[in-house]
Amino acid sequence: MALKSRVFGAGKLIVLAGALVATYLVFGIVSMRVALKTREVQVPNLTGRSASEATAIATRLDLTLKVDDNPRLDPKVAAGRVAGQDPPPGSTSRRQRSIRVWLSAGTHAVPTLVGDTERAARERLALDKITIAGIAEIRSPGYPQDVIVAQTSPTDGPAGRVALLVNRGDSDTSYVMPDLVGVAGDRAAEILRGQGFRVAVVASNPYPGVPAGAVLRQTPQAGFQVMPSAAISLEVSQ
């Protein structure tokens, strides 16, 4: 009986020790989860806030704010206000982590530059922070030299860009061949012949998806220097 009592007592001690260890482990896991939970915050929505307002909001939540050096064009958000952020609003973040934000550069309406000199146009675009997407050139006696003849805003790529067509003045030596691909062949030939060039449609080939009569290939290619009265050949679609 004494042996049984001793074994029974030892068993109770083991069970009690196991229960204490299990309780300790459960308490530790729960405490860790609570501690981690208290260190998490919900990322606020900073869109439309100024940098100082966004910084104050982030600081109250024990977060830091990093402003990206490259503003974004955004027609919906006023210039100088937050236009984007990472992590996004509503997500969960640890305290003392940073939120990266992009400020809006507003929306830049491209000014009318036709009739301005190239230098004046460049200065104005630089002041308005508008990028020149490209410059094409013509040589025509019908416009003053180094004056903007036409402009267009490319639809591909980022906003706030403009492509310019500049007249380099009348020249007795050469012209810059324009890009005629996709243009109606008859109309292109009419305009070029009016400028004194000899134009011939040398081939007509089927091309799926392209309207009949559109220029498929040209010789010389766009950008090449061509002499007055030069021969230009066009291939068009059927």
C-alpha atoms as a PDB file:
ATOM      1  CA  MET A   1       0.000   0.000   0.000  1.00  0.00           C
ATOM      2  CA  ALA A   2       2.837   2.346   0.835  1.00  0.00           C
ATOM      3  CA  LEU A   3       4.336   1.721  -2.602  1.00  0.00           C
ATOM      4  CA  LYS A   4       1.025   2.377  -4.284  1.00  0.00           C
ATOM      5  CA  SER A   5       0.609   5.581  -2.323  1.00  0.00           C
ATOM      6  CA  ARG A   6       4.039   6.732  -3.339  1.00  0.00           C
ATOM      7  CA  VAL A   7       3.425   5.947  -7.031  1.00  0.00           C
ATOM      8  CA  PHE A   8       0.056   7.655  -6.890  1.00  0.00           C
ATOM      9  CA  GLY A   9       1.613  10.734  -5.264  1.00  0.00           C
ATOM     10  CA  ALA A  10       4.389  10.885  -7.853  1.00  0.00           C
ATOM     11  CA  GLY A  11       1.833  10.597 -10.633  1.00  0.00           C
ATOM     12  CA  LYS A  12      -0.124  13.519  -9.232  1.00  0.00           C
ATOM     13  CA  LEU A  13       3.043  15.576  -9.089  1.00  0.00           C
ATOM     14  CA  ILE A  14       3.845  14.770 -12.744  1.00  0.00           C
ATOM     15  CA  VAL A  15       0.308  15.643 -13.861  1.00  0.00           C
ATOM     16  CA  LEU A  16       0.422  18.847 -11.861  1.00  0.00           C
ATOM     17  CA  ALA A  17       3.821  19.796 -13.342  1.00  0.00           C
ATOM     18  CA  GLY A  18       2.555  19.054 -16.846  1.00  0.00           C
ATOM     19  CA  ALA A  19      -0.496  21.207 -16.263  1.00  0.00           C
ATOM     20  CA  LEU A  20       1.678  24.056 -15.007  1.00  0.00           C
ATOM     21  CA  VAL A  21       3.982  23.782 -18.054  1.00  0.00           C
ATOM     22  CA  ALA A  22       1.008  23.716 -20.435  1.00  0.00           C
ATOM     23  CA  THR A  23      -0.524  26.731 -18.691  1.00  0.00           C
ATOM     24  CA  TYR A  24       2.782  28.568 -18.953  1.00  0.00           C
ATOM     25  CA  LEU A  25       3.082  27.786 -22.669  1.00  0.00           C
ATOM     26  CA  VAL A  26      -0.504  28.853 -23.393  1.00  0.00           C
ATOM     27  CA  PHE A  27      -0.017  32.033 -21.388  1.00  0.00           C
ATOM     28  CA  GLY A  28       3.234  32.749 -23.249  1.00  0.00           C
ATOM     29  CA  ILE A  29       1.666  32.227 -26.677  1.00  0.00           C
ATOM     30  CA  VAL A  30      -1.347  34.367 -25.814  1.00  0.00           C
ATOM     31  CA  SER A  31       0.875  37.092 -24.382  1.00  0.00           C
ATOM     32  CA  MET A  32       3.036  37.055 -27.510  1.00  0.00           C
ATOM     33  CA  ARG A  33       0.017  37.356 -29.763  1.00  0.00           C
ATOM     34  CA  VAL A  34      -1.378  40.199 -27.695  1.00  0.00           C
ATOM     35  CA  ALA A  35       1.996  41.964 -27.762  1.00  0.00           C
ATOM     36  CA  LEU A  36       2.268  41.574 -31.503  1.00  0.00           C
ATOM     37  CA  LYS A  37      -1.317  42.703 -31.951  1.00  0.00           C
ATOM     38  CA  THR A  38      -0.738  45.839 -29.937  1.00  0.00           C
ATOM     39  CA  ARG A  39       2.224  46.683 -32.175  1.00  0.00           C
ATOM     40  CA  GLU A  40       0.040  46.604 -35.320  1.00  0.00           C
ATOM     41  CA  VAL A  41      -1.934  49.556 -36.644  1.00  0.00           C
ATOM     42  CA  GLN A  42      -4.276  50.110 -39.558  1.00  0.00           C
ATOM     43  CA  VAL A  43      -2.688  52.190 -42.313  1.00  0.00           C
ATOM     44  CA  PRO A  44      -4.642  55.466 -42.677  1.00  0.00           C
ATOM     45  CA  ASN A  45      -5.872  56.938 -45.946  1.00  0.00           C
ATOM     46  CA  LEU A  46      -3.552  59.871 -46.683  1.00  0.00           C
ATOM     47  CA  THR A  47      -4.834  60.692 -50.180  1.00  0.00           C
ATOM     48  CA  GLY A  48      -5.501  64.384 -50.609  1.00  0.00           C
ATOM     49  CA  ARG A  49      -3.517  65.357 -47.513  1.00  0.00           C
ATOM     50  CA  SER A  50      -0.602  67.759 -47.559  1.00  0.00           C
ATOM     51  CA  ALA A  51       2.822  66.390 -46.618  1.00  0.00           C
ATOM     52  CA  SER A  52       2.653  68.030 -43.183  1.00  0.00           C
ATOM     53  CA  GLU A  53      -0.858  66.715 -42.512  1.00  0.00           C
ATOM     54  CA  ALA A  54       0.126  63.212 -43.610  1.00  0.00           C
ATOM     55  CA  THR A  55       3.226  63.335 -41.404  1.00  0.00           C
ATOM     56  CA  ALA A  56       1.163  64.345 -38.363  1.00  0.00           C
ATOM     57  CA  ILE A  57      -1.349  61.526 -38.949  1.00  0.00           C
ATOM     58  CA  ALA A  58       1.412  58.942 -39.389  1.00  0.00           C
ATOM     59  CA  THR A  59       3.255  60.151 -36.290  1.00  0.00           C
ATOM     60  CA  ARG A  60       0.162  59.748 -34.117  1.00  0.00           C
ATOM     61  CA  LEU A  61       0.075  56.084 -35.155  1.00  0.00           C
ATOM     62  CA  ASP A  62       3.809  55.657 -34.487  1.00  0.00           C
ATOM     63  CA  LEU A  63       4.525  55.421 -38.218  1.00  0.00           C
ATOM     64  CA  THR A  64       7.000  57.407 -40.313  1.00  0.00           C
ATOM     65  CA  LEU A  65       6.368  59.109 -43.637  1.00  0.00           C
ATOM     66  CA  LYS A  66       8.673  58.997 -46.651  1.00  0.00           C
ATOM     67  CA  VAL A  67       7.859  61.358 -49.524  1.00  0.00           C
ATOM     68  CA  ASP A  68       8.961  60.123 -52.950  1.00  0.00           C
ATOM     69  CA  ASP A  69      11.135  62.548 -54.892  1.00  0.00           C
ATOM     70  CA  ASN A  70       9.112  62.103 -58.105  1.00  0.00           C
ATOM     71  CA  PRO A  71       5.663  63.760 -58.053  1.00  0.00           C
ATOM     72  CA  ARG A  72       2.884  62.265 -60.155  1.00  0.00           C
ATOM     73  CA  LEU A  73       0.585  64.042 -62.569  1.00  0.00           C
ATOM     74  CA  ASP A  74      -2.930  63.527 -61.247  1.00  0.00           C
ATOM     75  CA  PRO A  75      -5.932  65.517 -62.496  1.00  0.00           C
ATOM     76  CA  LYS A  76      -7.998  64.465 -59.460  1.00  0.00           C
ATOM     77  CA  VAL A  77      -5.576  65.539 -56.708  1.00  0.00           C
ATOM     78  CA  ALA A  78      -4.364  69.102 -56.210  1.00  0.00           C
ATOM     79  CA  ALA A  79      -0.654  69.772 -56.605  1.00  0.00           C
ATOM     80  CA  GLY A  80       1.330  69.175 -53.417  1.00  0.00           C
ATOM     81  CA  ARG A  81      -1.207  66.725 -51.981  1.00  0.00           C
ATOM     82  CA  VAL A  82      -0.775  62.976 -51.540  1.00  0.00           C
ATOM     83  CA  ALA A  83      -1.768  61.168 -54.742  1.00  0.00           C
ATOM     84  CA  GLY A  84      -0.629  57.644 -53.819  1.00  0.00           C
ATOM     85  CA  GLN A  85       0.754  55.609 -50.936  1.00  0.00           C
ATOM     86  CA  ASP A  86       2.311  52.270 -50.052  1.00  0.00           C
ATOM     87  CA  PRO A  87       1.102  50.300 -48.056  1.00  0.00           C
ATOM     88  CA  PRO A  88      -2.447  51.047 -49.228  1.00  0.00           C
ATOM     89  CA  PRO A  89      -5.106  52.448 -46.886  1.00  0.00           C
ATOM     90  CA  GLY A  90      -6.798  49.902 -44.634  1.00  0.00           C
ATOM     91  CA  SER A  91      -3.917  47.437 -44.623  1.00  0.00           C
ATOM     92  CA  THR A  92      -2.136  46.411 -41.411  1.00  0.00           C
ATOM     93  CA  SER A  93       1.374  47.574 -40.581  1.00  0.00           C
ATOM     94  CA  ARG A  94       3.745  47.324 -37.647  1.00  0.00           C
ATOM     95  CA  ARG A  95       4.400  50.429 -35.615  1.00  0.00           C
ATOM     96  CA  GLN A  96       7.579  52.345 -36.468  1.00  0.00           C
ATOM     97  CA  ARG A  97       7.298  51.179 -40.073  1.00  0.00           C
ATOM     98  CA  SER A  98       7.236  53.762 -42.884  1.00  0.00           C
ATOM     99  CA  ILE A  99       4.539  54.781 -45.351  1.00  0.00           C
ATOM    100  CA  ARG A 100       5.810  55.868 -48.753  1.00  0.00           C
ATOM    101  CA  VAL A 101       3.730  58.553 -50.441  1.00  0.00           C
ATOM    102  CA  TRP A 102       3.752  60.278 -53.823  1.00  0.00           C
ATOM    103  CA  LEU A 103       2.674  63.883 -54.071  1.00  0.00           C
ATOM    104  CA  SER A 104       0.554  65.142 -56.946  1.00  0.00           C
ATOM    105  CA  ALA A 105       2.082  67.452 -59.506  1.00  0.00           C
ATOM    106  CA  GLY A 106      -1.432  68.460 -60.508  1.00  0.00           C
ATOM    107  CA  THR A 107      -2.432  68.400 -64.136  1.00  0.00           C
ATOM    108  CA  HIS A 108      -0.545  70.499 -66.630  1.00  0.00           C
ATOM    109  CA  ALA A 109      -2.622  71.777 -69.532  1.00  0.00           C
ATOM    110  CA  VAL A 110      -0.249  71.951 -72.486  1.00  0.00           C
ATOM    111  CA  PRO A 111      -0.198  75.556 -73.714  1.00  0.00           C
ATOM    112  CA  THR A 112      -0.650  76.511 -77.354  1.00  0.00           C
ATOM    113  CA  LEU A 113       2.839  76.934 -78.774  1.00  0.00           C
ATOM    114  CA  VAL A 114       2.119  77.296 -82.498  1.00  0.00           C
ATOM    115  CA  GLY A 115       3.689  80.532 -83.696  1.00  0.00           C
ATOM    116  CA  ASP A 116       6.220  80.676 -80.844  1.00  0.00           C
ATOM    117  CA  THR A 117       9.930  80.297 -81.513  1.00  0.00           C
ATOM    118  CA  GLU A 118      11.481  77.007 -80.480  1.00  0.00           C
ATOM    119  CA  ARG A 119      13.485  78.737 -77.759  1.00  0.00           C
ATOM    120  CA  ALA A 120      10.416  80.448 -76.294  1.00  0.00           C
ATOM    121  CA  ALA A 121       8.487  77.176 -76.434  1.00  0.00           C
ATOM    122  CA  ARG A 122      11.252  75.311 -74.608  1.00  0.00           C
ATOM    123  CA  GLU A 123      11.413  77.942 -71.870  1.00  0.00           C
ATOM    124  CA  ARG A 124       7.657  77.902 -71.387  1.00  0.00           C
ATOM    125  CA  LEU A 125       7.481  74.108 -71.245  1.00  0.00           C
ATOM    126  CA  ALA A 126      10.338  73.972 -68.754  1.00  0.00           C
ATOM    127  CA  LEU A 127       8.534  76.492 -66.563  1.00  0.00           C
ATOM    128  CA  ASP A 128       5.323  74.419 -66.695  1.00  0.00           C
ATOM    129  CA  LYS A 129       7.304  71.170 -66.140  1.00  0.00           C
ATOM    130  CA  ILE A 130       6.042  69.669 -69.389  1.00  0.00           C
ATOM    131  CA  THR A 131       8.300  67.217 -71.200  1.00  0.00           C
ATOM    132  CA  ILE A 132       9.079  67.471 -74.917  1.00  0.00           C
ATOM    133  CA  ALA A 133       8.292  64.020 -76.298  1.00  0.00           C
ATOM    134  CA  GLY A 134       9.977  64.729 -79.629  1.00  0.00           C
ATOM    135  CA  ILE A 135      10.768  67.361 -82.238  1.00  0.00           C
ATOM    136  CA  ALA A 136      10.161  66.901 -85.965  1.00  0.00           C
ATOM    137  CA  GLU A 137      11.423  69.368 -88.551  1.00  0.00           C
ATOM    138  CA  ILE A 138      10.255  70.772 -91.876  1.00  0.00           C
ATOM    139  CA  ARG A 139      11.816  73.293 -94.222  1.00  0.00           C
ATOM    140  CA  SER A 140       9.218  75.550 -95.729  1.00  0.00           C
ATOM    141  CA  PRO A 141       9.174  79.152 -96.959  1.00  0.00           C
ATOM    142  CA  GLY A 142       5.598  79.418 -95.706  1.00  0.00           C
ATOM    143  CA  TYR A 143       6.613  79.909 -92.053  1.00  0.00           C
ATOM    144  CA  PRO A 144       9.278  81.917 -90.212  1.00  0.00           C
ATOM    145  CA  GLN A 145      12.458  80.068 -89.329  1.00  0.00           C
ATOM    146  CA  ASP A 146      12.638  78.149 -86.016  1.00  0.00           C
ATOM    147  CA  VAL A 147       8.929  78.654 -85.325  1.00  0.00           C
ATOM    148  CA  ILE A 148       6.566  75.977 -83.998  1.00  0.00           C
ATOM    149  CA  VAL A 149       4.286  74.932 -86.864  1.00  0.00           C
ATOM    150  CA  ALA A 150       2.261  72.229 -85.076  1.00  0.00           C
ATOM    151  CA  GLN A 151       2.065  70.369 -81.784  1.00  0.00           C
ATOM    152  CA  THR A 152       0.466  67.195 -80.459  1.00  0.00           C
ATOM    153  CA  SER A 153       0.184  65.469 -77.097  1.00  0.00           C
ATOM    154  CA  PRO A 154       1.091  61.756 -77.376  1.00  0.00           C
ATOM    155  CA  THR A 155      -1.599  59.403 -76.095  1.00  0.00           C
ATOM    156  CA  ASP A 156       0.881  56.693 -75.133  1.00  0.00           C
ATOM    157  CA  GLY A 157       3.161  57.009 -72.123  1.00  0.00           C
ATOM    158  CA  PRO A 158       2.805  59.407 -69.207  1.00  0.00           C
ATOM    159  CA  ALA A 159       0.820  62.628 -69.347  1.00  0.00           C
ATOM    160  CA  GLY A 160       2.372  66.075 -69.481  1.00  0.00           C
ATOM    161  CA  ARG A 161       4.255  65.631 -72.758  1.00  0.00           C
ATOM    162  CA  VAL A 162       4.110  67.364 -76.116  1.00  0.00           C
ATOM    163  CA  ALA A 163       5.630  66.702 -79.534  1.00  0.00           C
ATOM    164  CA  LEU A 164       6.588  69.701 -81.672  1.00  0.00           C
ATOM    165  CA  LEU A 165       6.950  70.371 -85.389  1.00  0.00           C
ATOM    166  CA  VAL A 166       9.514  73.114 -86.063  1.00  0.00           C
ATOM    167  CA  ASN A 167      10.167  74.928 -89.317  1.00  0.00           C
ATOM    168  CA  ARG A 168      13.879  75.241 -90.011  1.00  0.00           C
ATOM    169  CA  GLY A 169      13.326  77.777 -92.771  1.00  0.00           C
ATOM    170  CA  ASP A 170      13.483  77.658 -96.549  1.00  0.00           C
ATOM    171  CA  SER A 171      16.429  75.712 -97.842  1.00  0.00           C
ATOM    172  CA  ASP A 172      17.844  75.265-101.316  1.00  0.00           C
ATOM    173  CA  THR A 173      19.763  72.187-100.232  1.00  0.00           C
ATOM    174  CA  SER A 174      17.518  69.571 -98.637  1.00  0.00           C
ATOM    175  CA  TYR A 175      14.306  68.703 -96.792  1.00  0.00           C
ATOM    176  CA  VAL A 176      13.584  66.225 -94.009  1.00  0.00           C
ATOM    177  CA  MET A 177      11.463  63.327 -95.279  1.00  0.00           C
ATOM    178  CA  PRO A 178       8.234  63.050 -93.205  1.00  0.00           C
ATOM    179  CA  ASP A 179       6.770  59.772 -91.921  1.00  0.00           C
ATOM    180  CA  LEU A 180       3.991  58.824 -94.330  1.00  0.00           C
ATOM    181  CA  VAL A 181       3.244  55.272 -93.138  1.00  0.00           C
ATOM    182  CA  GLY A 182      -0.476  54.941 -92.418  1.00  0.00           C
ATOM    183  CA  VAL A 183      -1.340  58.164 -94.260  1.00  0.00           C
ATOM    184  CA  ALA A 184      -3.659  58.078 -97.265  1.00  0.00           C
ATOM    185  CA  GLY A 185      -1.351  57.621-100.257  1.00  0.00           C
ATOM    186  CA  ASP A 186      -3.292  59.875-102.618  1.00  0.00           C
ATOM    187  CA  ARG A 187      -3.351  62.747-100.140  1.00  0.00           C
ATOM    188  CA  ALA A 188       0.338  62.345 -99.274  1.00  0.00           C
ATOM    189  CA  ALA A 189       1.293  62.298-102.960  1.00  0.00           C
ATOM    190  CA  GLU A 190      -0.792  65.417-103.618  1.00  0.00           C
ATOM    191  CA  ILE A 191       0.900  67.382-100.821  1.00  0.00           C
ATOM    192  CA  LEU A 192       4.406  66.284-101.804  1.00  0.00           C
ATOM    193  CA  ARG A 193       3.855  67.090-105.454  1.00  0.00           C
ATOM    194  CA  GLY A 194       2.662  70.515-104.398  1.00  0.00           C
ATOM    195  CA  GLN A 195       6.075  71.017-102.784  1.00  0.00           C
ATOM    196  CA  GLY A 196       7.869  70.110-106.015  1.00  0.00           C
ATOM    197  CA  PHE A 197       8.680  66.438-105.366  1.00  0.00           C
ATOM    198  CA  ARG A 198       8.188  63.683-107.913  1.00  0.00           C
ATOM    199  CA  VAL A 199       5.958  61.049-106.277  1.00  0.00           C
ATOM    200  CA  ALA A 200       4.986  57.654-107.660  1.00  0.00           C
ATOM    201  CA  VAL A 201       2.959  54.793-106.183  1.00  0.00           C
ATOM    202  CA  VAL A 202       5.124  51.837-107.184  1.00  0.00           C
ATOM    203  CA  ALA A 203       3.152  48.975-105.609  1.00  0.00           C
ATOM    204  CA  SER A 204      -0.230  48.085-104.130  1.00  0.00           C
ATOM    205  CA  ASN A 205      -0.345  45.091-101.792  1.00  0.00           C
ATOM    206  CA  PRO A 206      -3.038  43.555 -99.563  1.00  0.00           C
ATOM    207  CA  TYR A 207      -2.439  44.134 -95.871  1.00  0.00           C
ATOM    208  CA  PRO A 208      -4.985  42.811 -93.314  1.00  0.00           C
ATOM    209  CA  GLY A 209      -6.381  45.420 -90.958  1.00  0.00           C
ATOM    210  CA  VAL A 210      -5.092  48.401 -92.934  1.00  0.00           C
ATOM    211  CA  PRO A 211      -7.508  50.591 -94.946  1.00  0.00           C
ATOM    212  CA  ALA A 212      -7.098  50.519 -98.697  1.00  0.00           C
ATOM    213  CA  GLY A 213      -4.818  53.192-100.073  1.00  0.00           C
ATOM    214  CA  ALA A 214      -2.819  53.692 -96.846  1.00  0.00           C
ATOM    215  CA  VAL A 215       0.954  54.006 -97.192  1.00  0.00           C
ATOM    216  CA  LEU A 216       2.765  50.798 -96.150  1.00  0.00           C
ATOM    217  CA  ARG A 217       6.319  51.713 -97.134  1.00  0.00           C
ATOM    218  CA  GLN A 218       8.111  54.776 -98.414  1.00  0.00           C
ATOM    219  CA  THR A 219      11.400  55.571-100.069  1.00  0.00           C
ATOM    220  CA  PRO A 220      13.278  57.539 -98.788  1.00  0.00           C
ATOM    221  CA  GLN A 221      12.390  56.623 -95.194  1.00  0.00           C
ATOM    222  CA  ALA A 222      11.221  59.158 -92.631  1.00  0.00           C
ATOM    223  CA  GLY A 223      13.963  61.411 -91.299  1.00  0.00           C
ATOM    224  CA  PHE A 224      16.182  61.197 -94.378  1.00  0.00           C
ATOM    225  CA  GLN A 225      17.386  64.355 -96.090  1.00  0.00           C
ATOM    226  CA  VAL A 226      15.883  64.722 -99.575  1.00  0.00           C
ATOM    227  CA  MET A 227      16.832  67.169-102.275  1.00  0.00           C
ATOM    228  CA  PRO A 228      14.271  69.413-104.010  1.00  0.00           C
ATOM    229  CA  SER A 229      12.594  67.670-106.960  1.00  0.00           C
ATOM    230  CA  ALA A 230      13.689  64.288-105.545  1.00  0.00           C
ATOM    231  CA  ALA A 231      11.800  61.139-106.552  1.00  0.00           C
ATOM    232  CA  ILE A 232       9.681  59.602-103.782  1.00  0.00           C
ATOM    233  CA  SER A 233       8.125  56.161-104.111  1.00  0.00           C
ATOM    234  CA  LEU A 234       5.201  54.845-102.089  1.00  0.00           C
ATOM    235  CA  GLU A 235       3.735  51.386-101.542  1.00  0.00           C
ATOM    236  CA  VAL A 236       0.087  51.374-100.495  1.00  0.00           C
ATOM    237  CA  SER A 237      -2.423  48.790 -99.286  1.00  0.00           C
ATOM    238  CA  GLN A 238      -5.142  47.360-101.502  1.00  0.00           C
END
